PDB file of all heavy atoms in Angstrom:
ATOM      1  N   ASP A   1     138.844 -43.632 -70.368  1.00  0.00           N
ATOM      2  CA  ASP A   1     138.454 -42.543 -69.467  1.00  0.00           C
ATOM      3  C   ASP A   1     138.894 -42.772 -68.030  1.00  0.00           C
ATOM      4  O   ASP A   1     138.493 -42.020 -67.134  1.00  0.00           O
ATOM      5  CB  ASP A   1     136.925 -42.372 -69.503  1.00  0.00           C
ATOM      6  CG  ASP A   1     136.419 -42.015 -70.889  1.00  0.00           C
ATOM      7  OD1 ASP A   1     137.074 -41.206 -71.562  1.00  0.00           O
ATOM      8  OD2 ASP A   1     135.366 -42.553 -71.293  1.00  0.00           O
ATOM      9  N   VAL A   2     139.702 -43.804 -67.818  1.00  0.00           N
ATOM     10  CA  VAL A   2     140.112 -44.167 -66.455  1.00  0.00           C
ATOM     11  C   VAL A   2     141.621 -43.983 -66.292  1.00  0.00           C
ATOM     12  O   VAL A   2     142.406 -44.330 -67.177  1.00  0.00           O
ATOM     13  CB  VAL A   2     139.740 -45.643 -66.165  1.00  0.00           C
ATOM     14  CG1 VAL A   2     140.274 -46.070 -64.798  1.00  0.00           C
ATOM     15  CG2 VAL A   2     138.227 -45.814 -66.213  1.00  0.00           C
ATOM     16  N   ALA A   3     142.019 -43.426 -65.159  1.00  0.00           N
ATOM     17  CA  ALA A   3     143.447 -43.316 -64.827  1.00  0.00           C
ATOM     18  C   ALA A   3     143.873 -44.608 -64.139  1.00  0.00           C
ATOM     19  O   ALA A   3     143.345 -44.960 -63.078  1.00  0.00           O
ATOM     20  CB  ALA A   3     143.684 -42.116 -63.915  1.00  0.00           C
ATOM     21  N   ILE A   4     144.811 -45.320 -64.745  1.00  0.00           N
ATOM     22  CA  ILE A   4     145.258 -46.608 -64.211  1.00  0.00           C
ATOM     23  C   ILE A   4     146.579 -46.421 -63.469  1.00  0.00           C
ATOM     24  O   ILE A   4     147.521 -45.814 -64.004  1.00  0.00           O
ATOM     25  CB  ILE A   4     145.436 -47.636 -65.349  1.00  0.00           C
ATOM     26  CG1 ILE A   4     144.098 -47.835 -66.073  1.00  0.00           C
ATOM     27  CG2 ILE A   4     145.953 -48.964 -64.813  1.00  0.00           C
ATOM     28  CD1 ILE A   4     144.200 -48.701 -67.312  1.00  0.00           C
ATOM     29  N   GLU A   5     146.632 -46.911 -62.242  1.00  0.00           N
ATOM     30  CA  GLU A   5     147.880 -46.831 -61.472  1.00  0.00           C
ATOM     31  C   GLU A   5     148.960 -47.655 -62.169  1.00  0.00           C
ATOM     32  O   GLU A   5     148.680 -48.717 -62.727  1.00  0.00           O
ATOM     33  CB  GLU A   5     147.658 -47.359 -60.055  1.00  0.00           C
ATOM     34  CG  GLU A   5     146.667 -46.554 -59.227  1.00  0.00           C
ATOM     35  CD  GLU A   5     147.209 -45.183 -58.881  1.00  0.00           C
ATOM     36  OE1 GLU A   5     148.458 -45.023 -58.846  1.00  0.00           O
ATOM     37  OE2 GLU A   5     146.394 -44.276 -58.644  1.00  0.00           O
ATOM     38  N   ARG A   6     150.175 -47.156 -62.115  1.00  0.00           N
ATOM     39  CA  ARG A   6     151.268 -47.864 -62.789  1.00  0.00           C
ATOM     40  C   ARG A   6     151.377 -49.312 -62.334  1.00  0.00           C
ATOM     41  O   ARG A   6     151.552 -50.220 -63.151  1.00  0.00           O
ATOM     42  CB  ARG A   6     152.599 -47.139 -62.541  1.00  0.00           C
ATOM     43  CG  ARG A   6     153.792 -47.887 -63.128  1.00  0.00           C
ATOM     44  CD  ARG A   6     155.045 -47.062 -63.141  1.00  0.00           C
ATOM     45  NE  ARG A   6     156.156 -47.810 -63.720  1.00  0.00           N
ATOM     46  CZ  ARG A   6     157.270 -47.269 -64.187  1.00  0.00           C
ATOM     47  NH1 ARG A   6     157.412 -45.954 -64.155  1.00  0.00           N
ATOM     48  NH2 ARG A   6     158.217 -48.019 -64.685  1.00  0.00           N
ATOM     49  N   ASP A   7     151.245 -49.561 -61.035  1.00  0.00           N
ATOM     50  CA  ASP A   7     151.375 -50.921 -60.508  1.00  0.00           C
ATOM     51  C   ASP A   7     150.243 -51.830 -60.965  1.00  0.00           C
ATOM     52  O   ASP A   7     150.379 -53.062 -60.948  1.00  0.00           O
ATOM     53  CB  ASP A   7     151.412 -50.895 -58.980  1.00  0.00           C
ATOM     54  CG  ASP A   7     152.687 -50.241 -58.444  1.00  0.00           C
ATOM     55  OD1 ASP A   7     153.647 -50.097 -59.228  1.00  0.00           O
ATOM     56  OD2 ASP A   7     152.705 -49.879 -57.254  1.00  0.00           O
ATOM     57  N   ALA A   8     149.112 -51.226 -61.366  1.00  0.00           N
ATOM     58  CA  ALA A   8     147.958 -52.019 -61.778  1.00  0.00           C
ATOM     59  C   ALA A   8     147.973 -52.325 -63.274  1.00  0.00           C
ATOM     60  O   ALA A   8     147.272 -53.233 -63.733  1.00  0.00           O
ATOM     61  CB  ALA A   8     146.664 -51.296 -61.418  1.00  0.00           C
ATOM     62  N   ALA A   9     148.768 -51.592 -64.038  1.00  0.00           N
ATOM     63  CA  ALA A   9     148.748 -51.737 -65.488  1.00  0.00           C
ATOM     64  C   ALA A   9     149.128 -53.145 -65.936  1.00  0.00           C
ATOM     65  O   ALA A   9     148.542 -53.690 -66.880  1.00  0.00           O
ATOM     66  CB  ALA A   9     149.674 -50.703 -66.129  1.00  0.00           C
ATOM     67  N   ILE A  10     150.107 -53.767 -65.262  1.00  0.00           N
ATOM     68  CA  ILE A  10     150.559 -55.097 -65.662  1.00  0.00           C
ATOM     69  C   ILE A  10     149.457 -56.131 -65.449  1.00  0.00           C
ATOM     70  O   ILE A  10     149.293 -57.061 -66.255  1.00  0.00           O
ATOM     71  CB  ILE A  10     151.843 -55.515 -64.896  1.00  0.00           C
ATOM     72  CG1 ILE A  10     152.361 -56.861 -65.404  1.00  0.00           C
ATOM     73  CG2 ILE A  10     151.600 -55.531 -63.404  1.00  0.00           C
ATOM     74  CD1 ILE A  10     152.833 -56.842 -66.830  1.00  0.00           C
ATOM     75  N   SER A  11     148.669 -55.981 -64.375  1.00  0.00           N
ATOM     76  CA  SER A  11     147.595 -56.945 -64.132  1.00  0.00           C
ATOM     77  C   SER A  11     146.461 -56.755 -65.139  1.00  0.00           C
ATOM     78  O   SER A  11     145.831 -57.732 -65.564  1.00  0.00           O
ATOM     79  CB  SER A  11     147.070 -56.819 -62.698  1.00  0.00           C
ATOM     80  OG  SER A  11     146.518 -55.548 -62.471  1.00  0.00           O
ATOM     81  N   VAL A  12     146.197 -55.511 -65.528  1.00  0.00           N
ATOM     82  CA  VAL A  12     145.193 -55.258 -66.567  1.00  0.00           C
ATOM     83  C   VAL A  12     145.659 -55.865 -67.890  1.00  0.00           C
ATOM     84  O   VAL A  12     144.876 -56.492 -68.616  1.00  0.00           O
ATOM     85  CB  VAL A  12     144.937 -53.748 -66.730  1.00  0.00           C
ATOM     86  CG1 VAL A  12     143.982 -53.486 -67.896  1.00  0.00           C
ATOM     87  CG2 VAL A  12     144.365 -53.163 -65.448  1.00  0.00           C
ATOM     88  N   TYR A  13     146.955 -55.708 -68.176  1.00  0.00           N
ATOM     89  CA  TYR A  13     147.538 -56.294 -69.392  1.00  0.00           C
ATOM     90  C   TYR A  13     147.363 -57.817 -69.391  1.00  0.00           C
ATOM     91  O   TYR A  13     146.886 -58.403 -70.374  1.00  0.00           O
ATOM     92  CB  TYR A  13     149.021 -55.928 -69.479  1.00  0.00           C
ATOM     93  CG  TYR A  13     149.819 -56.777 -70.437  1.00  0.00           C
ATOM     94  CD1 TYR A  13     149.809 -56.526 -71.804  1.00  0.00           C
ATOM     95  CD2 TYR A  13     150.582 -57.851 -69.961  1.00  0.00           C
ATOM     96  CE1 TYR A  13     150.532 -57.311 -72.688  1.00  0.00           C
ATOM     97  CE2 TYR A  13     151.310 -58.644 -70.837  1.00  0.00           C
ATOM     98  CZ  TYR A  13     151.284 -58.367 -72.200  1.00  0.00           C
ATOM     99  OH  TYR A  13     151.994 -59.164 -73.071  1.00  0.00           O
ATOM    100  N   ALA A  14     147.748 -58.461 -68.283  1.00  0.00           N
ATOM    101  CA  ALA A  14     147.662 -59.924 -68.197  1.00  0.00           C
ATOM    102  C   ALA A  14     146.216 -60.390 -68.329  1.00  0.00           C
ATOM    103  O   ALA A  14     145.930 -61.391 -68.999  1.00  0.00           O
ATOM    104  CB  ALA A  14     148.264 -60.404 -66.882  1.00  0.00           C
ATOM    105  N   ASP A  15     145.305 -59.647 -67.711  1.00  0.00           N
ATOM    106  CA  ASP A  15     143.877 -59.993 -67.777  1.00  0.00           C
ATOM    107  C   ASP A  15     143.372 -59.932 -69.212  1.00  0.00           C
ATOM    108  O   ASP A  15     142.701 -60.859 -69.695  1.00  0.00           O
ATOM    109  CB  ASP A  15     143.092 -59.025 -66.885  1.00  0.00           C
ATOM    110  CG  ASP A  15     141.612 -59.366 -66.802  1.00  0.00           C
ATOM    111  OD1 ASP A  15     140.920 -59.303 -67.837  1.00  0.00           O
ATOM    112  OD2 ASP A  15     141.129 -59.684 -65.699  1.00  0.00           O
ATOM    113  N   LEU A  16     143.678 -58.855 -69.913  1.00  0.00           N
ATOM    114  CA  LEU A  16     143.173 -58.681 -71.281  1.00  0.00           C
ATOM    115  C   LEU A  16     143.799 -59.670 -72.260  1.00  0.00           C
ATOM    116  O   LEU A  16     143.120 -60.182 -73.155  1.00  0.00           O
ATOM    117  CB  LEU A  16     143.405 -57.242 -71.744  1.00  0.00           C
ATOM    118  CG  LEU A  16     142.478 -56.217 -71.094  1.00  0.00           C
ATOM    119  CD1 LEU A  16     142.924 -54.792 -71.426  1.00  0.00           C
ATOM    120  CD2 LEU A  16     141.034 -56.437 -71.540  1.00  0.00           C
ATOM    121  N   VAL A  17     145.082 -59.960 -72.087  1.00  0.00           N
ATOM    122  CA  VAL A  17     145.725 -60.946 -72.966  1.00  0.00           C
ATOM    123  C   VAL A  17     145.099 -62.320 -72.748  1.00  0.00           C
ATOM    124  O   VAL A  17     144.841 -63.059 -73.716  1.00  0.00           O
ATOM    125  CB  VAL A  17     147.249 -60.988 -72.717  1.00  0.00           C
ATOM    126  CG1 VAL A  17     147.871 -62.168 -73.445  1.00  0.00           C
ATOM    127  CG2 VAL A  17     147.889 -59.688 -73.188  1.00  0.00           C
ATOM    128  N   ALA A  18     144.833 -62.663 -71.501  1.00  0.00           N
ATOM    129  CA  ALA A  18     144.172 -63.946 -71.214  1.00  0.00           C
ATOM    130  C   ALA A  18     142.789 -63.998 -71.869  1.00  0.00           C
ATOM    131  O   ALA A  18     142.379 -65.036 -72.406  1.00  0.00           O
ATOM    132  CB  ALA A  18     144.055 -64.141 -69.704  1.00  0.00           C
ATOM    133  N   GLN A  19     142.081 -62.878 -71.852  1.00  0.00           N
ATOM    134  CA  GLN A  19     140.769 -62.839 -72.486  1.00  0.00           C
ATOM    135  C   GLN A  19     140.875 -62.960 -74.013  1.00  0.00           C
ATOM    136  O   GLN A  19     140.050 -63.620 -74.651  1.00  0.00           O
ATOM    137  CB  GLN A  19     140.037 -61.543 -72.118  1.00  0.00           C
ATOM    138  CG  GLN A  19     139.609 -61.466 -70.665  1.00  0.00           C
ATOM    139  CD  GLN A  19     138.595 -60.365 -70.441  1.00  0.00           C
ATOM    140  OE1 GLN A  19     137.480 -60.408 -70.945  1.00  0.00           O
ATOM    141  NE2 GLN A  19     138.992 -59.347 -69.678  1.00  0.00           N
ATOM    142  N   MET A  20     141.874 -62.328 -74.583  1.00  0.00           N
ATOM    143  CA  MET A  20     142.071 -62.428 -76.032  1.00  0.00           C
ATOM    144  C   MET A  20     142.367 -63.869 -76.435  1.00  0.00           C
ATOM    145  O   MET A  20     141.894 -64.347 -77.478  1.00  0.00           O
ATOM    146  CB  MET A  20     143.204 -61.497 -76.473  1.00  0.00           C
ATOM    147  CG  MET A  20     142.862 -60.011 -76.368  1.00  0.00           C
ATOM    148  SD  MET A  20     144.275 -58.950 -76.768  1.00  0.00           S
ATOM    149  CE  MET A  20     144.521 -59.378 -78.495  1.00  0.00           C
ATOM    150  N   ILE A  21     143.157 -64.553 -75.625  1.00  0.00           N
ATOM    151  CA  ILE A  21     143.491 -65.957 -75.919  1.00  0.00           C
ATOM    152  C   ILE A  21     142.252 -66.836 -75.762  1.00  0.00           C
ATOM    153  O   ILE A  21     141.988 -67.728 -76.575  1.00  0.00           O
ATOM    154  CB  ILE A  21     144.639 -66.431 -75.011  1.00  0.00           C
ATOM    155  CG1 ILE A  21     145.926 -65.684 -75.365  1.00  0.00           C
ATOM    156  CG2 ILE A  21     144.838 -67.939 -75.139  1.00  0.00           C
ATOM    157  CD1 ILE A  21     147.074 -65.926 -74.422  1.00  0.00           C
ATOM    158  N   ALA A  22     141.467 -66.571 -74.703  1.00  0.00           N
ATOM    159  CA  ALA A  22     140.230 -67.332 -74.501  1.00  0.00           C
ATOM    160  C   ALA A  22     139.268 -67.102 -75.665  1.00  0.00           C
ATOM    161  O   ALA A  22     138.574 -68.023 -76.111  1.00  0.00           O
ATOM    162  CB  ALA A  22     139.580 -66.931 -73.181  1.00  0.00           C
ATOM    163  N   MET A  23     139.231 -65.876 -76.167  1.00  0.00           N
ATOM    164  CA  MET A  23     138.397 -65.555 -77.323  1.00  0.00           C
ATOM    165  C   MET A  23     138.868 -66.339 -78.549  1.00  0.00           C
ATOM    166  O   MET A  23     138.064 -66.860 -79.328  1.00  0.00           O
ATOM    167  CB  MET A  23     138.477 -64.046 -77.595  1.00  0.00           C
ATOM    168  CG  MET A  23     137.288 -63.467 -78.341  1.00  0.00           C
ATOM    169  SD  MET A  23     137.486 -61.694 -78.679  1.00  0.00           S
ATOM    170  CE  MET A  23     137.866 -61.087 -77.031  1.00  0.00           C
ATOM    171  N   LEU A  24     140.183 -66.402 -78.701  1.00  0.00           N
ATOM    172  CA  LEU A  24     140.766 -67.131 -79.818  1.00  0.00           C
ATOM    173  C   LEU A  24     140.392 -68.613 -79.745  1.00  0.00           C
ATOM    174  O   LEU A  24     140.147 -69.258 -80.775  1.00  0.00           O
ATOM    175  CB  LEU A  24     142.288 -66.960 -79.797  1.00  0.00           C
ATOM    176  CG  LEU A  24     143.067 -67.270 -81.077  1.00  0.00           C
ATOM    177  CD1 LEU A  24     142.601 -66.377 -82.225  1.00  0.00           C
ATOM    178  CD2 LEU A  24     144.556 -67.072 -80.836  1.00  0.00           C
ATOM    179  N   CYS A  25     140.335 -69.146 -78.536  1.00  0.00           N
ATOM    180  CA  CYS A  25     139.936 -70.548 -78.360  1.00  0.00           C
ATOM    181  C   CYS A  25     138.480 -70.781 -78.753  1.00  0.00           C
ATOM    182  O   CYS A  25     138.073 -71.923 -78.985  1.00  0.00           O
ATOM    183  CB  CYS A  25     140.159 -70.974 -76.908  1.00  0.00           C
ATOM    184  SG  CYS A  25     141.909 -71.064 -76.434  1.00  0.00           S
ATOM    185  N   CYS A  26     137.707 -69.700 -78.813  1.00  0.00           N
ATOM    186  CA  CYS A  26     136.312 -69.781 -79.265  1.00  0.00           C
ATOM    187  C   CYS A  26     136.204 -69.468 -80.750  1.00  0.00           C
ATOM    188  O   CYS A  26     135.097 -69.259 -81.270  1.00  0.00           O
ATOM    189  CB  CYS A  26     135.446 -68.810 -78.473  1.00  0.00           C
ATOM    190  SG  CYS A  26     135.257 -69.217 -76.738  1.00  0.00           S
ATOM    191  N   ASP A  27     137.363 -69.406 -81.429  1.00  0.00           N
ATOM    192  CA  ASP A  27     137.421 -69.104 -82.862  1.00  0.00           C
ATOM    193  C   ASP A  27     136.985 -67.667 -83.155  1.00  0.00           C
ATOM    194  O   ASP A  27     136.475 -67.373 -84.233  1.00  0.00           O
ATOM    195  CB  ASP A  27     136.561 -70.089 -83.674  1.00  0.00           C
ATOM    196  CG  ASP A  27     136.695 -69.868 -85.184  1.00  0.00           C
ATOM    197  OD1 ASP A  27     137.805 -69.517 -85.630  1.00  0.00           O
ATOM    198  OD2 ASP A  27     135.691 -70.000 -85.902  1.00  0.00           O
ATOM    199  N   LEU A  28     137.206 -66.758 -82.216  1.00  0.00           N
ATOM    200  CA  LEU A  28     136.803 -65.373 -82.418  1.00  0.00           C
ATOM    201  C   LEU A  28     137.953 -64.415 -82.131  1.00  0.00           C
ATOM    202  O   LEU A  28     138.767 -64.639 -81.234  1.00  0.00           O
ATOM    203  CB  LEU A  28     135.618 -65.012 -81.518  1.00  0.00           C
ATOM    204  CG  LEU A  28     134.304 -65.751 -81.771  1.00  0.00           C
ATOM    205  CD1 LEU A  28     133.278 -65.355 -80.717  1.00  0.00           C
ATOM    206  CD2 LEU A  28     133.770 -65.471 -83.170  1.00  0.00           C
ATOM    207  N   ILE A  29     138.012 -63.343 -82.919  1.00  0.00           N
ATOM    208  CA  ILE A  29     138.933 -62.230 -82.701  1.00  0.00           C
ATOM    209  C   ILE A  29     138.081 -60.968 -82.701  1.00  0.00           C
ATOM    210  O   ILE A  29     137.229 -60.797 -83.585  1.00  0.00           O
ATOM    211  CB  ILE A  29     140.001 -62.163 -83.811  1.00  0.00           C
ATOM    212  CG1 ILE A  29     140.856 -63.426 -83.784  1.00  0.00           C
ATOM    213  CG2 ILE A  29     140.871 -60.919 -83.655  1.00  0.00           C
ATOM    214  CD1 ILE A  29     141.760 -63.567 -85.002  1.00  0.00           C
ATOM    215  N   HIS A  30     138.288 -60.112 -81.733  1.00  0.00           N
ATOM    216  CA  HIS A  30     137.443 -58.918 -81.633  1.00  0.00           C
ATOM    217  C   HIS A  30     137.486 -58.114 -82.920  1.00  0.00           C
ATOM    218  O   HIS A  30     136.453 -57.741 -83.471  1.00  0.00           O
ATOM    219  CB  HIS A  30     137.887 -58.059 -80.443  1.00  0.00           C
ATOM    220  CG  HIS A  30     136.989 -56.908 -80.163  1.00  0.00           C
ATOM    221  ND1 HIS A  30     137.035 -55.733 -80.890  1.00  0.00           N
ATOM    222  CD2 HIS A  30     135.994 -56.735 -79.246  1.00  0.00           C
ATOM    223  CE1 HIS A  30     136.123 -54.886 -80.420  1.00  0.00           C
ATOM    224  NE2 HIS A  30     135.477 -55.478 -79.425  1.00  0.00           N
ATOM    225  N   GLY A  31     138.674 -57.799 -83.402  1.00  0.00           N
ATOM    226  CA  GLY A  31     138.817 -57.103 -84.680  1.00  0.00           C
ATOM    227  C   GLY A  31     138.924 -55.595 -84.579  1.00  0.00           C
ATOM    228  O   GLY A  31     139.331 -54.932 -85.532  1.00  0.00           O
ATOM    229  N   ASP A  32     138.569 -55.029 -83.422  1.00  0.00           N
ATOM    230  CA  ASP A  32     138.661 -53.573 -83.249  1.00  0.00           C
ATOM    231  C   ASP A  32     138.875 -53.235 -81.773  1.00  0.00           C
ATOM    232  O   ASP A  32     138.358 -52.248 -81.270  1.00  0.00           O
ATOM    233  CB  ASP A  32     137.386 -52.897 -83.775  1.00  0.00           C
ATOM    234  CG  ASP A  32     137.513 -51.379 -83.863  1.00  0.00           C
ATOM    235  OD1 ASP A  32     138.633 -50.891 -84.110  1.00  0.00           O
ATOM    236  OD2 ASP A  32     136.496 -50.681 -83.671  1.00  0.00           O
ATOM    237  N   LEU A  33     139.647 -54.064 -81.087  1.00  0.00           N
ATOM    238  CA  LEU A  33     139.827 -53.902 -79.647  1.00  0.00           C
ATOM    239  C   LEU A  33     140.693 -52.685 -79.341  1.00  0.00           C
ATOM    240  O   LEU A  33     141.747 -52.487 -79.957  1.00  0.00           O
ATOM    241  CB  LEU A  33     140.469 -55.156 -79.057  1.00  0.00           C
ATOM    242  CG  LEU A  33     140.470 -55.263 -77.536  1.00  0.00           C
ATOM    243  CD1 LEU A  33     139.037 -55.279 -76.997  1.00  0.00           C
ATOM    244  CD2 LEU A  33     141.216 -56.509 -77.094  1.00  0.00           C
ATOM    245  N   SER A  34     140.253 -51.879 -78.402  1.00  0.00           N
ATOM    246  CA  SER A  34     140.979 -50.679 -77.993  1.00  0.00           C
ATOM    247  C   SER A  34     140.425 -50.239 -76.652  1.00  0.00           C
ATOM    248  O   SER A  34     139.392 -50.754 -76.194  1.00  0.00           O
ATOM    249  CB  SER A  34     140.798 -49.558 -79.028  1.00  0.00           C
ATOM    250  OG  SER A  34     139.523 -48.944 -78.885  1.00  0.00           O
ATOM    251  N   PRO A  35     141.065 -49.278 -75.977  1.00  0.00           N
ATOM    252  CA  PRO A  35     140.536 -48.805 -74.695  1.00  0.00           C
ATOM    253  C   PRO A  35     139.175 -48.133 -74.818  1.00  0.00           C
ATOM    254  O   PRO A  35     138.523 -47.873 -73.803  1.00  0.00           O
ATOM    255  CB  PRO A  35     141.609 -47.820 -74.213  1.00  0.00           C
ATOM    256  CG  PRO A  35     142.378 -47.445 -75.439  1.00  0.00           C
ATOM    257  CD  PRO A  35     142.370 -48.662 -76.297  1.00  0.00           C
ATOM    258  N   TYR A  36     138.729 -47.880 -76.047  1.00  0.00           N
ATOM    259  CA  TYR A  36     137.414 -47.267 -76.251  1.00  0.00           C
ATOM    260  C   TYR A  36     136.283 -48.286 -76.139  1.00  0.00           C
ATOM    261  O   TYR A  36     135.131 -47.907 -75.965  1.00  0.00           O
ATOM    262  CB  TYR A  36     137.356 -46.583 -77.619  1.00  0.00           C
ATOM    263  CG  TYR A  36     138.210 -45.342 -77.699  1.00  0.00           C
ATOM    264  CD1 TYR A  36     139.524 -45.417 -78.158  1.00  0.00           C
ATOM    265  CD2 TYR A  36     137.716 -44.107 -77.302  1.00  0.00           C
ATOM    266  CE1 TYR A  36     140.321 -44.273 -78.218  1.00  0.00           C
ATOM    267  CE2 TYR A  36     138.503 -42.968 -77.361  1.00  0.00           C
ATOM    268  CZ  TYR A  36     139.807 -43.063 -77.820  1.00  0.00           C
ATOM    269  OH  TYR A  36     140.593 -41.930 -77.875  1.00  0.00           O
ATOM    270  N   ASN A  37     136.583 -49.573 -76.297  1.00  0.00           N
ATOM    271  CA  ASN A  37     135.530 -50.582 -76.164  1.00  0.00           C
ATOM    272  C   ASN A  37     135.886 -51.658 -75.134  1.00  0.00           C
ATOM    273  O   ASN A  37     135.525 -52.819 -75.277  1.00  0.00           O
ATOM    274  CB  ASN A  37     135.160 -51.205 -77.523  1.00  0.00           C
ATOM    275  CG  ASN A  37     136.372 -51.592 -78.332  1.00  0.00           C
ATOM    276  OD1 ASN A  37     137.368 -52.061 -77.785  1.00  0.00           O
ATOM    277  ND2 ASN A  37     136.290 -51.411 -79.638  1.00  0.00           N
ATOM    278  N   ILE A  38     136.586 -51.215 -74.105  1.00  0.00           N
ATOM    279  CA  ILE A  38     136.822 -52.032 -72.915  1.00  0.00           C
ATOM    280  C   ILE A  38     136.306 -51.219 -71.733  1.00  0.00           C
ATOM    281  O   ILE A  38     136.666 -50.053 -71.578  1.00  0.00           O
ATOM    282  CB  ILE A  38     138.311 -52.353 -72.716  1.00  0.00           C
ATOM    283  CG1 ILE A  38     138.871 -53.110 -73.928  1.00  0.00           C
ATOM    284  CG2 ILE A  38     138.514 -53.169 -71.436  1.00  0.00           C
ATOM    285  CD1 ILE A  38     140.377 -53.265 -73.896  1.00  0.00           C
ATOM    286  N   LEU A  39     135.437 -51.813 -70.935  1.00  0.00           N
ATOM    287  CA  LEU A  39     134.866 -51.111 -69.788  1.00  0.00           C
ATOM    288  C   LEU A  39     135.592 -51.492 -68.501  1.00  0.00           C
ATOM    289  O   LEU A  39     135.961 -52.650 -68.305  1.00  0.00           O
ATOM    290  CB  LEU A  39     133.377 -51.439 -69.641  1.00  0.00           C
ATOM    291  CG  LEU A  39     132.481 -51.101 -70.846  1.00  0.00           C
ATOM    292  CD1 LEU A  39     131.025 -51.442 -70.525  1.00  0.00           C
ATOM    293  CD2 LEU A  39     132.610 -49.634 -71.230  1.00  0.00           C
ATOM    294  N   ALA A  40     135.792 -50.493 -67.637  1.00  0.00           N
ATOM    295  CA  ALA A  40     136.429 -50.726 -66.331  1.00  0.00           C
ATOM    296  C   ALA A  40     135.348 -51.167 -65.349  1.00  0.00           C
ATOM    297  O   ALA A  40     134.829 -50.383 -64.558  1.00  0.00           O
ATOM    298  CB  ALA A  40     137.124 -49.462 -65.854  1.00  0.00           C
TER     299      ALA A  40
END
């Protein structure tokens, strides 16, 4: 539901990928990750 500026999209991408990797280090995978269950 949020309009993301083009210049900001890459930082959001890097942030979420880092979180996915950190989750993986905890032996967890979200399993249904999408913009519908990520809060701004």
